[in-house]
């Protein structure tokens, strides 16, 4: 694997680790601010980025690969909530967080498909 192929994979892995790190922070240590009232938007945004990074890392250009990444991301969303429920310091599993995660991942996938198709058309015109 060349260096240019490693960068997208490293970014996707780092983003995944970042999400898991955020989930591991005890809830009483999360800062209190008006921004945190938008918790579901934050969940969706994290998973939106996750979808784009994994699509890029795995060069998801075929329908099969896009579906594989999408299914993996949609499985990861409730698993992160389950992970929070087993932590011993006050994190909770919520259905709405998992739904927000799934929506973010789905939207990221749609943006990837749109971008990938536009890029393909531009390559054909050259």
Protein backbone atom coordinates (compact mmCIF):
# COMPACT_ATOMS: atom_id res chain seq x y z
CA UNK A 1 0.00 0.00 0.00
CA UNK A 2 1.45 3.34 -1.02
CA UNK A 3 1.62 6.35 1.26
CA UNK A 4 -1.23 8.05 -0.59
CA UNK A 5 -3.42 4.99 0.00
CA UNK A 6 -2.63 4.96 3.72
CA UNK A 7 -3.66 8.55 4.40
CA UNK A 8 -7.42 8.09 3.84
CA UNK A 9 -7.39 4.86 5.85
CA UNK A 10 -5.48 6.50 8.69
CA UNK A 11 -7.95 9.40 8.72
CA UNK A 12 -10.96 7.04 8.81
CA UNK A 13 -9.42 4.99 11.62
CA UNK A 14 -8.52 8.15 13.57
CA UNK A 15 -12.08 9.52 13.20
CA UNK A 16 -13.51 6.19 14.37
CA UNK A 17 -11.19 6.23 17.39
CA UNK A 18 -12.16 9.86 18.08
CA UNK A 19 -15.85 8.89 18.16
CA UNK A 20 -15.12 6.02 20.55
CA UNK A 21 -13.04 8.36 22.72
CA UNK A 22 -15.91 10.86 22.90
CA UNK A 23 -18.28 8.07 23.92
CA UNK A 24 -15.93 7.08 26.72
CA UNK A 25 -15.93 10.49 28.40
CA UNK A 26 -18.02 10.30 31.59
CA UNK A 27 -21.24 12.26 31.14
CA UNK A 28 -20.54 14.40 34.22
CA UNK A 29 -17.32 15.59 32.54
CA UNK A 30 -18.98 16.82 29.38
CA UNK A 31 -19.00 20.60 29.19
CA UNK A 32 -22.25 22.37 29.80
CA UNK A 33 -23.03 24.86 27.06
CA UNK A 34 -25.81 25.75 24.64
CA UNK A 35 -23.96 23.79 21.95
CA UNK A 36 -24.56 20.52 23.81
CA UNK A 37 -28.30 21.11 23.52
CA UNK A 38 -27.79 20.12 19.89
CA UNK A 39 -26.66 16.62 20.86
CA UNK A 40 -28.46 14.85 18.01
CA UNK A 41 -26.96 17.24 15.45
CA UNK A 42 -23.54 16.43 16.90
CA UNK A 43 -24.19 12.71 16.57
CA UNK A 44 -25.35 13.12 12.97
CA UNK A 45 -22.33 15.28 12.14
CA UNK A 46 -19.84 12.80 13.57
CA UNK A 47 -21.36 9.94 11.59
CA UNK A 48 -21.70 12.07 8.43
CA UNK A 49 -17.95 12.58 8.54
CA UNK A 50 -17.40 8.92 9.37
CA UNK A 51 -19.30 7.86 6.25
CA UNK A 52 -17.31 10.17 3.97
CA UNK A 53 -13.98 9.12 5.46
CA UNK A 54 -14.68 5.39 5.18
CA UNK A 55 -16.07 5.72 1.66
CA UNK A 56 -12.87 7.51 0.65
CA UNK A 57 -10.59 5.12 2.55
CA UNK A 58 -12.13 2.07 0.89
CA UNK A 59 -12.49 3.75 -2.52
CA UNK A 60 -16.19 2.93 -2.54
CA UNK A 61 -17.04 3.39 -6.20
CA UNK A 62 -19.00 0.19 -6.83
CA UNK A 63 -22.53 -0.33 -5.56
CA UNK A 64 -21.34 -3.40 -3.66
CA UNK A 65 -18.64 -1.48 -1.76
CA UNK A 66 -20.98 1.44 -1.02
CA UNK A 67 -23.58 -0.96 0.40
CA UNK A 68 -20.90 -2.73 2.45
CA UNK A 69 -19.70 0.55 3.99
CA UNK A 70 -23.29 1.73 4.54
CA UNK A 71 -24.34 -1.50 6.28
CA UNK A 72 -21.18 -1.41 8.42
CA UNK A 73 -21.86 2.17 9.45
CA UNK A 74 -25.49 1.49 10.21
CA UNK A 75 -24.40 -1.45 12.39
CA UNK A 76 -21.73 0.66 14.10
CA UNK A 77 -24.31 3.28 15.18
CA UNK A 78 -26.31 1.08 17.61
CA UNK A 79 -23.13 -0.72 18.69
CA UNK A 80 -21.72 2.60 19.91
CA UNK A 81 -24.87 3.09 21.96
CA UNK A 82 -24.56 -0.43 23.37
CA UNK A 83 -20.93 0.35 24.23
CA UNK A 84 -22.04 3.41 26.19
CA UNK A 85 -24.57 1.36 28.12
CA UNK A 86 -21.90 -0.99 29.50
CA UNK A 87 -19.57 1.78 30.66
CA UNK A 88 -19.53 2.09 34.45
CA UNK A 89 -19.73 5.87 34.68
CA UNK A 90 -23.12 7.18 33.74
CA UNK A 91 -23.27 6.99 29.95
CA UNK A 92 -26.63 5.89 28.61
CA UNK A 93 -27.84 4.09 25.52
CA UNK A 94 -30.56 5.97 23.67
CA UNK A 95 -32.49 5.01 20.58
CA UNK A 96 -32.59 8.63 19.40
CA UNK A 97 -28.80 8.90 19.43
CA UNK A 98 -28.54 5.73 17.32
CA UNK A 99 -31.14 7.14 14.92
CA UNK A 100 -29.21 10.42 14.65
CA UNK A 101 -26.01 8.44 14.01
CA UNK A 102 -27.73 6.41 11.28
CA UNK A 103 -29.19 9.52 9.65
CA UNK A 104 -25.78 11.18 9.62
CA UNK A 105 -24.15 8.09 8.12
CA UNK A 106 -26.91 7.80 5.52
CA UNK A 107 -26.59 11.46 4.53
CA UNK A 108 -22.82 11.11 4.29
CA UNK A 109 -23.31 8.12 2.02
CA UNK A 110 -25.68 10.08 -0.22
CA UNK A 111 -23.20 12.96 -0.47
CA UNK A 112 -20.45 10.47 -1.33
CA UNK A 113 -22.57 8.90 -4.10
CA UNK A 114 -23.42 12.33 -5.53
CA UNK A 115 -19.82 13.49 -5.38
CA UNK A 116 -18.50 10.23 -6.83
CA UNK A 117 -20.94 10.36 -9.75
CA UNK A 118 -20.13 14.01 -10.50
CA UNK A 119 -16.42 13.26 -10.35
CA UNK A 120 -16.90 10.30 -12.69
CA UNK A 121 -18.74 12.46 -15.20
CA UNK A 122 -15.99 15.08 -15.05
CA UNK A 123 -13.32 12.41 -15.62
CA UNK A 124 -15.22 11.17 -18.69
CA UNK A 125 -15.28 14.67 -20.16
CA UNK A 126 -11.49 15.03 -20.04
